[in-house]
Amino acid sequence: MTPYEAFDRDAEVNGRTVLSVVEEGMGRFSDAYRERAIAALAEEGIRDPEPDEWYPQQAWLDAFETIAADLQPHVLDRLGEQLPDVADWPDESATVPDGLRAIDDAYRRNHRGGEIGKYRFDRVDDRIGEVTCHTPYPCPFDRGLIRGVAKEHAPVDSFVFIEETGSSCRREGGDECTYEVYW
């Protein structure tokens, strides 16, 4: 399995997510980054996205790949970290485990159509958890997403640390990536 390759040609992402990531997420970096993201979307046929419309996930992923190539992968890490602030996200999470479990719910709110993938959280210890990402999104984006969610819900005295621990990785052709999260 390769990052940036949708599992199903019928998979879609909602326009609210597209707009939030481009306008709010990329806009936090700079207007130039936001404009580059808009251009990458237009190159994939997504022009003037509407919040209540749905767009092919593959086109969205192709734009992500262009953004990573043009603006460096660390941008995707930071976008992932900001996602809980800009996407349709469950509000009921109060703890790190609750927040990390909510990633899959949020993912399903913002994607539809066929096989879209999933996120799975497993508690390992009192302040350690494991998140397995079986999605077509790139590793830096997922790592940033997990870190952002954990930091948002962690106690004030916590230092959030994420380590890739799985035996396979999507960037190396694996089906999923697994991260251990410490808080």
C-alpha atoms as a PDB file:
ATOM      1  CA  MET A   1       0.000   0.000   0.000  1.00  0.00           C
ATOM      2  CA  THR A   2       1.280   3.432  -0.858  1.00  0.00           C
ATOM      3  CA  PRO A   3       0.553   6.755   0.787  1.00  0.00           C
ATOM      4  CA  TYR A   4      -1.447   9.115  -1.415  1.00  0.00           C
ATOM      5  CA  GLU A   5      -3.354   6.237  -3.019  1.00  0.00           C
ATOM      6  CA  ALA A   6      -7.055   5.982  -2.083  1.00  0.00           C
ATOM      7  CA  PHE A   7      -8.245   2.500  -1.097  1.00  0.00           C
ATOM      8  CA  ASP A   8     -11.417   2.918  -3.151  1.00  0.00           C
ATOM      9  CA  ARG A   9     -12.074   5.048  -6.223  1.00  0.00           C
ATOM     10  CA  ASP A  10     -15.477   5.968  -4.762  1.00  0.00           C
ATOM     11  CA  ALA A  11     -14.001   7.402  -1.554  1.00  0.00           C
ATOM     12  CA  GLU A  12     -14.696  11.087  -0.986  1.00  0.00           C
ATOM     13  CA  VAL A  13     -13.667  13.864   1.389  1.00  0.00           C
ATOM     14  CA  ASN A  14     -16.039  16.635   2.385  1.00  0.00           C
ATOM     15  CA  GLY A  15     -15.549  20.187   1.198  1.00  0.00           C
ATOM     16  CA  ARG A  16     -15.569  21.557   4.743  1.00  0.00           C
ATOM     17  CA  THR A  17     -12.392  19.602   5.444  1.00  0.00           C
ATOM     18  CA  VAL A  18     -10.792  20.703   2.190  1.00  0.00           C
ATOM     19  CA  LEU A  19     -11.599  24.349   2.898  1.00  0.00           C
ATOM     20  CA  SER A  20     -10.542  24.141   6.530  1.00  0.00           C
ATOM     21  CA  VAL A  21      -7.176  22.606   5.753  1.00  0.00           C
ATOM     22  CA  VAL A  22      -6.466  24.988   2.885  1.00  0.00           C
ATOM     23  CA  GLU A  23      -7.854  28.234   4.274  1.00  0.00           C
ATOM     24  CA  GLU A  24      -7.210  27.831   7.982  1.00  0.00           C
ATOM     25  CA  GLY A  25      -4.460  25.223   8.136  1.00  0.00           C
ATOM     26  CA  MET A  26      -2.285  26.425   5.251  1.00  0.00           C
ATOM     27  CA  GLY A  27      -3.225  30.033   5.937  1.00  0.00           C
ATOM     28  CA  ARG A  28      -1.561  29.729   9.355  1.00  0.00           C
ATOM     29  CA  PHE A  29       1.759  29.233   7.571  1.00  0.00           C
ATOM     30  CA  SER A  30       1.510  31.994   4.994  1.00  0.00           C
ATOM     31  CA  ASP A  31      -0.595  33.303   2.133  1.00  0.00           C
ATOM     32  CA  ALA A  32       1.930  31.809  -0.287  1.00  0.00           C
ATOM     33  CA  TYR A  33       1.393  28.323   1.191  1.00  0.00           C
ATOM     34  CA  ARG A  34      -2.367  28.783   1.044  1.00  0.00           C
ATOM     35  CA  GLU A  35      -2.153  29.874  -2.602  1.00  0.00           C
ATOM     36  CA  ARG A  36       0.052  26.891  -3.457  1.00  0.00           C
ATOM     37  CA  ALA A  37      -2.496  24.550  -1.854  1.00  0.00           C
ATOM     38  CA  ILE A  38      -5.332  26.189  -3.836  1.00  0.00           C
ATOM     39  CA  ALA A  39      -3.312  25.771  -7.044  1.00  0.00           C
ATOM     40  CA  ALA A  40      -2.571  22.098  -6.212  1.00  0.00           C
ATOM     41  CA  LEU A  41      -6.299  21.475  -5.719  1.00  0.00           C
ATOM     42  CA  ALA A  42      -7.154  23.224  -8.988  1.00  0.00           C
ATOM     43  CA  GLU A  43      -4.606  21.028 -10.796  1.00  0.00           C
ATOM     44  CA  GLU A  44      -6.634  18.045  -9.550  1.00  0.00           C
ATOM     45  CA  GLY A  45      -9.987  19.494 -10.629  1.00  0.00           C
ATOM     46  CA  ILE A  46     -11.079  20.865  -7.247  1.00  0.00           C
ATOM     47  CA  ARG A  47     -11.798  24.509  -7.942  1.00  0.00           C
ATOM     48  CA  ASP A  48     -13.664  26.743  -5.496  1.00  0.00           C
ATOM     49  CA  PRO A  49     -14.550  23.919  -3.073  1.00  0.00           C
ATOM     50  CA  GLU A  50     -17.896  24.249  -1.320  1.00  0.00           C
ATOM     51  CA  PRO A  51     -18.307  23.164   2.323  1.00  0.00           C
ATOM     52  CA  ASP A  52     -21.360  20.971   1.685  1.00  0.00           C
ATOM     53  CA  GLU A  53     -19.967  19.200  -1.379  1.00  0.00           C
ATOM     54  CA  TRP A  54     -17.944  16.003  -1.519  1.00  0.00           C
ATOM     55  CA  TYR A  55     -14.770  15.595  -3.590  1.00  0.00           C
ATOM     56  CA  PRO A  56     -12.820  12.546  -4.784  1.00  0.00           C
ATOM     57  CA  GLN A  57     -10.382  11.505  -2.085  1.00  0.00           C
ATOM     58  CA  GLN A  58      -7.838  10.607  -4.757  1.00  0.00           C
ATOM     59  CA  ALA A  59      -7.818  14.171  -6.101  1.00  0.00           C
ATOM     60  CA  TRP A  60      -7.396  15.444  -2.525  1.00  0.00           C
ATOM     61  CA  LEU A  61      -4.526  12.979  -1.943  1.00  0.00           C
ATOM     62  CA  ASP A  62      -2.864  13.994  -5.204  1.00  0.00           C
ATOM     63  CA  ALA A  63      -2.993  17.619  -4.063  1.00  0.00           C
ATOM     64  CA  PHE A  64      -1.492  16.554  -0.709  1.00  0.00           C
ATOM     65  CA  GLU A  65       1.345  14.847  -2.554  1.00  0.00           C
ATOM     66  CA  THR A  66       2.031  17.997  -4.576  1.00  0.00           C
ATOM     67  CA  ILE A  67       1.993  20.113  -1.420  1.00  0.00           C
ATOM     68  CA  ALA A  68       4.471  17.758   0.268  1.00  0.00           C
ATOM     69  CA  ALA A  69       6.771  17.815  -2.758  1.00  0.00           C
ATOM     70  CA  ASP A  70       6.622  21.598  -3.167  1.00  0.00           C
ATOM     71  CA  LEU A  71       6.525  22.732   0.452  1.00  0.00           C
ATOM     72  CA  GLN A  72       8.311  19.845   2.237  1.00  0.00           C
ATOM     73  CA  PRO A  73       6.733  16.996   4.229  1.00  0.00           C
ATOM     74  CA  HIS A  74       7.033  18.862   7.546  1.00  0.00           C
ATOM     75  CA  VAL A  75       4.123  21.010   6.340  1.00  0.00           C
ATOM     76  CA  LEU A  76       1.934  17.896   6.326  1.00  0.00           C
ATOM     77  CA  ASP A  77       3.041  17.117   9.881  1.00  0.00           C
ATOM     78  CA  ARG A  78       1.963  20.590  11.007  1.00  0.00           C
ATOM     79  CA  LEU A  79      -1.310  20.345   9.061  1.00  0.00           C
ATOM     80  CA  GLY A  80      -2.080  17.065  10.801  1.00  0.00           C
ATOM     81  CA  GLU A  81      -1.348  18.670  14.159  1.00  0.00           C
ATOM     82  CA  GLN A  82      -3.829  21.474  13.397  1.00  0.00           C
ATOM     83  CA  LEU A  83      -6.582  19.238  12.027  1.00  0.00           C
ATOM     84  CA  PRO A  84      -8.589  18.887  15.270  1.00  0.00           C
ATOM     85  CA  ASP A  85      -8.872  22.690  15.327  1.00  0.00           C
ATOM     86  CA  VAL A  86     -10.103  23.060  11.748  1.00  0.00           C
ATOM     87  CA  ALA A  87     -12.071  19.902  10.817  1.00  0.00           C
ATOM     88  CA  ASP A  88     -15.471  18.550  11.910  1.00  0.00           C
ATOM     89  CA  TRP A  89     -14.369  16.961  15.176  1.00  0.00           C
ATOM     90  CA  PRO A  90     -16.169  15.233  18.066  1.00  0.00           C
ATOM     91  CA  ASP A  91     -16.422  17.521  21.096  1.00  0.00           C
ATOM     92  CA  GLU A  92     -16.871  14.954  23.837  1.00  0.00           C
ATOM     93  CA  SER A  93     -13.198  14.013  24.281  1.00  0.00           C
ATOM     94  CA  ALA A  94     -11.822  14.890  27.720  1.00  0.00           C
ATOM     95  CA  THR A  95      -8.739  12.679  28.058  1.00  0.00           C
ATOM     96  CA  VAL A  96      -5.884  11.631  25.799  1.00  0.00           C
ATOM     97  CA  PRO A  97      -7.350   8.128  25.271  1.00  0.00           C
ATOM     98  CA  ASP A  98     -10.782   9.636  24.488  1.00  0.00           C
ATOM     99  CA  GLY A  99      -9.199  12.064  22.028  1.00  0.00           C
ATOM    100  CA  LEU A 100      -7.142   9.384  20.304  1.00  0.00           C
ATOM    101  CA  ARG A 101     -10.202   7.117  20.025  1.00  0.00           C
ATOM    102  CA  ALA A 102     -12.120  10.040  18.489  1.00  0.00           C
ATOM    103  CA  ILE A 103      -9.699  10.266  15.549  1.00  0.00           C
ATOM    104  CA  ASP A 104     -11.529   7.441  13.775  1.00  0.00           C
ATOM    105  CA  ASP A 105     -14.939   9.039  14.409  1.00  0.00           C
ATOM    106  CA  ALA A 106     -13.674  12.359  13.040  1.00  0.00           C
ATOM    107  CA  TYR A 107     -12.194  10.574  10.030  1.00  0.00           C
ATOM    108  CA  ARG A 108     -15.556   8.955   9.281  1.00  0.00           C
ATOM    109  CA  ARG A 109     -17.363  12.296   9.607  1.00  0.00           C
ATOM    110  CA  ASN A 110     -15.113  13.773   6.945  1.00  0.00           C
ATOM    111  CA  HIS A 111     -14.852  10.837   4.497  1.00  0.00           C
ATOM    112  CA  ARG A 112     -17.350   8.540   2.818  1.00  0.00           C
ATOM    113  CA  GLY A 113     -17.839   6.129  -0.079  1.00  0.00           C
ATOM    114  CA  GLY A 114     -16.463   2.619  -0.058  1.00  0.00           C
ATOM    115  CA  GLU A 115     -13.305   1.637   1.798  1.00  0.00           C
ATOM    116  CA  ILE A 116     -11.805   4.749   3.392  1.00  0.00           C
ATOM    117  CA  GLY A 117      -9.551   3.145   6.004  1.00  0.00           C
ATOM    118  CA  LYS A 118      -9.510   3.611   9.767  1.00  0.00           C
ATOM    119  CA  TYR A 119      -7.621   4.651  12.883  1.00  0.00           C
ATOM    120  CA  ARG A 120      -7.481   2.334  15.901  1.00  0.00           C
ATOM    121  CA  PHE A 121      -6.451   3.259  19.439  1.00  0.00           C
ATOM    122  CA  ASP A 122      -5.356   0.748  22.071  1.00  0.00           C
ATOM    123  CA  ARG A 123      -4.413   1.654  25.627  1.00  0.00           C
ATOM    124  CA  VAL A 124      -1.021   0.219  26.592  1.00  0.00           C
ATOM    125  CA  ASP A 125      -0.449   1.704  30.055  1.00  0.00           C
ATOM    126  CA  ASP A 126      -1.618   4.580  32.240  1.00  0.00           C
ATOM    127  CA  ARG A 127      -0.038   7.260  30.015  1.00  0.00           C
ATOM    128  CA  ILE A 128       0.861   5.215  26.938  1.00  0.00           C
ATOM    129  CA  GLY A 129      -1.301   4.305  23.970  1.00  0.00           C
ATOM    130  CA  GLU A 130      -0.923   2.886  20.509  1.00  0.00           C
ATOM    131  CA  VAL A 131      -2.549   4.298  17.377  1.00  0.00           C
ATOM    132  CA  THR A 132      -2.645   2.233  14.204  1.00  0.00           C
ATOM    133  CA  CYS A 133      -3.303   4.197  11.021  1.00  0.00           C
ATOM    134  CA  HIS A 134      -4.739   2.258   8.100  1.00  0.00           C
ATOM    135  CA  THR A 135      -5.396   5.185   5.772  1.00  0.00           C
ATOM    136  CA  PRO A 136      -3.994   6.466   2.487  1.00  0.00           C
ATOM    137  CA  TYR A 137      -2.647   9.616   4.154  1.00  0.00           C
ATOM    138  CA  PRO A 138       1.112  10.126   4.423  1.00  0.00           C
ATOM    139  CA  CYS A 139       2.977   9.238   7.610  1.00  0.00           C
ATOM    140  CA  PRO A 140       3.961  12.837   8.494  1.00  0.00           C
ATOM    141  CA  PHE A 141       0.303  13.906   8.368  1.00  0.00           C
ATOM    142  CA  ASP A 142      -0.854  11.057  10.628  1.00  0.00           C
ATOM    143  CA  ARG A 143       2.026  11.604  13.059  1.00  0.00           C
ATOM    144  CA  GLY A 144       1.107  15.286  13.332  1.00  0.00           C
ATOM    145  CA  LEU A 145      -2.569  14.433  13.774  1.00  0.00           C
ATOM    146  CA  ILE A 146      -1.851  12.031  16.631  1.00  0.00           C
ATOM    147  CA  ARG A 147       0.506  14.500  18.320  1.00  0.00           C
ATOM    148  CA  GLY A 148      -2.006  17.353  17.983  1.00  0.00           C
ATOM    149  CA  VAL A 149      -4.828  15.321  19.507  1.00  0.00           C
ATOM    150  CA  ALA A 150      -2.652  14.028  22.359  1.00  0.00           C
ATOM    151  CA  LYS A 151      -1.295  17.503  23.163  1.00  0.00           C
ATOM    152  CA  GLU A 152      -4.784  18.992  23.170  1.00  0.00           C
ATOM    153  CA  HIS A 153      -6.005  16.492  25.783  1.00  0.00           C
ATOM    154  CA  ALA A 154      -2.849  15.880  27.817  1.00  0.00           C
ATOM    155  CA  PRO A 155      -2.444  17.150  31.374  1.00  0.00           C
ATOM    156  CA  VAL A 156      -0.536  20.424  31.642  1.00  0.00           C
ATOM    157  CA  ASP A 157       2.517  18.704  33.144  1.00  0.00           C
ATOM    158  CA  SER A 158       2.798  16.218  30.255  1.00  0.00           C
ATOM    159  CA  PHE A 159       5.319  16.011  27.484  1.00  0.00           C
ATOM    160  CA  VAL A 160       3.782  14.304  24.451  1.00  0.00           C
ATOM    161  CA  PHE A 161       6.117  11.983  22.570  1.00  0.00           C
ATOM    162  CA  ILE A 162       5.317   9.807  19.548  1.00  0.00           C
ATOM    163  CA  GLU A 163       7.381   6.917  18.273  1.00  0.00           C
ATOM    164  CA  GLU A 164       6.735   4.776  15.213  1.00  0.00           C
ATOM    165  CA  THR A 165       6.752   1.196  16.501  1.00  0.00           C
ATOM    166  CA  GLY A 166       5.038  -1.008  13.944  1.00  0.00           C
ATOM    167  CA  SER A 167       6.786  -3.690  11.943  1.00  0.00           C
ATOM    168  CA  SER A 168       5.542  -2.162   8.686  1.00  0.00           C
ATOM    169  CA  CYS A 169       5.124   1.356   7.355  1.00  0.00           C
ATOM    170  CA  ARG A 170       3.112   2.697   4.444  1.00  0.00           C
ATOM    171  CA  ARG A 171       6.068   4.666   3.059  1.00  0.00           C
ATOM    172  CA  GLU A 172       7.816   1.293   2.707  1.00  0.00           C
ATOM    173  CA  GLY A 173       4.804  -0.436   1.137  1.00  0.00           C
ATOM    174  CA  GLY A 174       3.141  -1.712   4.334  1.00  0.00           C
ATOM    175  CA  ASP A 175      -0.607  -1.663   4.959  1.00  0.00           C
ATOM    176  CA  GLU A 176      -0.502   0.559   8.028  1.00  0.00           C
ATOM    177  CA  CYS A 177       1.664   2.506  10.433  1.00  0.00           C
ATOM    178  CA  THR A 178       1.612   2.116  14.195  1.00  0.00           C
ATOM    179  CA  TYR A 179       2.662   4.793  16.653  1.00  0.00           C
ATOM    180  CA  GLU A 180       3.187   4.581  20.387  1.00  0.00           C
ATOM    181  CA  VAL A 181       2.048   7.739  22.150  1.00  0.00           C
ATOM    182  CA  TYR A 182       3.394   8.815  25.552  1.00  0.00           C
ATOM    183  CA  TRP A 183       1.861  11.623  27.590  1.00  0.00           C
END
